[in-house]
Amino acid sequence: NIPLKFINSFLHEVGIRNSYSAENILEENLTLILGMTWSLILRYNVSQISEGDKTAKEGLLLWAKTKIAEVSNGKVDVNNFHHSWQDGIAFNC
């Protein structure tokens, strides 16, 4: 349970209101498991990188916007890492 306490502590620090438990994993709650995985990626990879005047998260969003616009011929618009991905269209691009 120590890793889950650490993850929940990190999420609380950055203002994310989710909390994870061992039951989420045992019940195979894919939404929460993927959210937890993204939180770890954000904490250990993305948050520590910067490119010019952009944070790594902003740079990653810019990259995603550019690539998705290329493959969708401008039909799919990505503005953030939350609502823009909910319907799965951006992910499938």
Protein backbone atom coordinates (compact mmCIF):
# COMPACT_ATOMS: atom_id res chain seq x y z
CA ASN A 1 0.00 0.00 0.00
CA ILE A 2 3.02 2.31 0.28
CA PRO A 3 3.11 3.03 -3.49
CA LEU A 4 -0.58 3.91 -3.46
CA LYS A 5 -0.07 6.27 -0.52
CA PHE A 6 2.75 7.95 -2.43
CA ILE A 7 0.64 8.28 -5.57
CA ASN A 8 -2.31 9.69 -3.61
CA SER A 9 0.00 12.14 -1.84
CA PHE A 10 1.41 13.35 -5.17
CA LEU A 11 -2.07 13.77 -6.64
CA HIS A 12 -3.16 15.80 -3.63
CA GLU A 13 -0.07 18.04 -3.99
CA VAL A 14 -0.84 18.86 -7.63
CA GLY A 15 -4.55 19.38 -7.00
CA ILE A 16 -5.98 16.20 -8.51
CA ARG A 17 -8.94 14.96 -6.48
CA ASN A 18 -8.73 11.26 -7.34
CA SER A 19 -7.47 8.75 -4.85
CA TYR A 20 -6.55 5.17 -5.62
CA SER A 21 -6.83 1.99 -3.61
CA ALA A 22 -5.78 -1.61 -3.97
CA GLU A 23 -9.42 -2.45 -4.62
CA ASN A 24 -9.32 -0.34 -7.82
CA ILE A 25 -6.59 -2.61 -9.14
CA LEU A 26 -8.15 -5.85 -7.93
CA GLU A 27 -11.51 -4.86 -9.45
CA GLU A 28 -9.69 -4.09 -12.73
CA ASN A 29 -11.06 -0.53 -12.88
CA LEU A 30 -9.31 0.42 -16.13
CA THR A 31 -10.20 4.12 -15.96
CA LEU A 32 -8.60 4.53 -12.55
CA ILE A 33 -5.63 2.30 -13.40
CA LEU A 34 -4.89 4.31 -16.55
CA GLY A 35 -5.30 7.54 -14.60
CA MET A 36 -2.85 6.28 -12.00
CA THR A 37 -0.39 5.29 -14.73
CA TRP A 38 -0.64 8.74 -16.32
CA SER A 39 -0.07 10.33 -12.90
CA LEU A 40 3.15 8.35 -12.51
CA ILE A 41 4.32 9.28 -16.02
CA LEU A 42 3.54 12.92 -15.33
CA ARG A 43 5.37 12.83 -12.00
CA TYR A 44 8.53 11.05 -13.08
CA ASN A 45 8.98 11.87 -16.76
CA VAL A 46 6.96 14.79 -18.01
CA SER A 47 7.12 17.19 -15.06
CA GLN A 48 10.92 17.24 -14.90
CA ILE A 49 11.54 18.26 -18.51
CA SER A 50 11.26 21.66 -20.13
CA GLU A 51 11.89 22.87 -23.65
CA GLY A 52 12.54 26.55 -24.10
CA ASP A 53 9.77 28.52 -22.44
CA LYS A 54 7.38 25.55 -22.35
CA THR A 55 7.03 22.92 -19.67
CA ALA A 56 7.19 19.32 -20.77
CA LYS A 57 3.42 18.97 -20.43
CA GLU A 58 2.87 22.01 -22.68
CA GLY A 59 5.44 20.65 -25.14
CA LEU A 60 3.80 17.24 -25.18
CA LEU A 61 0.40 18.84 -25.80
CA LEU A 62 1.86 20.92 -28.65
CA TRP A 63 3.40 17.78 -30.17
CA ALA A 64 0.11 15.89 -29.85
CA LYS A 65 -1.84 18.78 -31.41
CA THR A 66 0.59 18.92 -34.34
CA LYS A 67 0.63 15.17 -35.01
CA ILE A 68 -3.13 14.78 -34.66
CA ALA A 69 -3.77 17.74 -36.95
CA GLU A 70 -1.47 16.12 -39.55
CA VAL A 71 -3.16 12.72 -39.57
CA SER A 72 -6.70 14.07 -39.32
CA ASN A 73 -6.20 16.81 -41.92
CA GLY A 74 -7.20 19.35 -39.28
CA LYS A 75 -10.54 17.71 -38.48
CA VAL A 76 -9.65 16.72 -34.89
CA ASP A 77 -8.77 19.49 -32.46
CA VAL A 78 -6.82 18.83 -29.26
CA ASN A 79 -6.81 21.57 -26.62
CA ASN A 80 -5.94 19.75 -23.40
CA PHE A 81 -5.23 16.35 -21.87
CA HIS A 82 -8.71 15.95 -20.44
CA HIS A 83 -11.76 16.71 -22.59
CA SER A 84 -9.97 16.45 -25.94
CA TRP A 85 -9.27 12.76 -25.33
CA GLN A 86 -12.55 11.59 -23.79
CA ASP A 87 -14.27 10.40 -26.96
CA GLY A 88 -11.22 8.41 -28.15
CA ILE A 89 -10.97 10.11 -31.54
CA ALA A 90 -7.71 11.95 -30.75
CA PHE A 91 -6.22 8.78 -29.27
CA ASN A 92 -7.06 6.81 -32.42
CA CYS A 93 -5.44 9.39 -34.66
